[in-house]
Amino acid sequence: MAQYIITYLGGNQPSSAEEGKQHFEKYKEWLSSLGESAVSPANPLKNTSTVNPDGSVSGGSISSMSGFTIIESETMEKALEIAKACPFLEIGGSLEVSELMKMPG
């Protein structure tokens, strides 16, 4: 079965601690609903640095990526259906879904 990475982009911060807690509960429910298809369910990113083409390093990210989830799915269409149910979309975030390629060796 193929693996897909769901990349989290953007999204709005909760306006209160309570709103954040409610959203996180929805997110945990969604992750739980994935069952064994969730290979690596929740991978938030922090303290990002960017290595530039000239070798210099700058603080922060050049993208709005905030994390990722890796799932197994029979097809891209099924992976997209899984992503469409993610509550991250409810807070104005976008999701990119990409099939992971297996490299030789």
Foldseek 3Di string as FASTA:
>chain_A
DWKKKKWKFDFDDDPDPVRVVVLVVLQVVLLVVLPPQFPFAWFFDDFDWDQDPVRDIGTDDPGRTGTMTMGDDPDPVVVVVSVVSHSSVVRVIDIDMDIDDDDDD
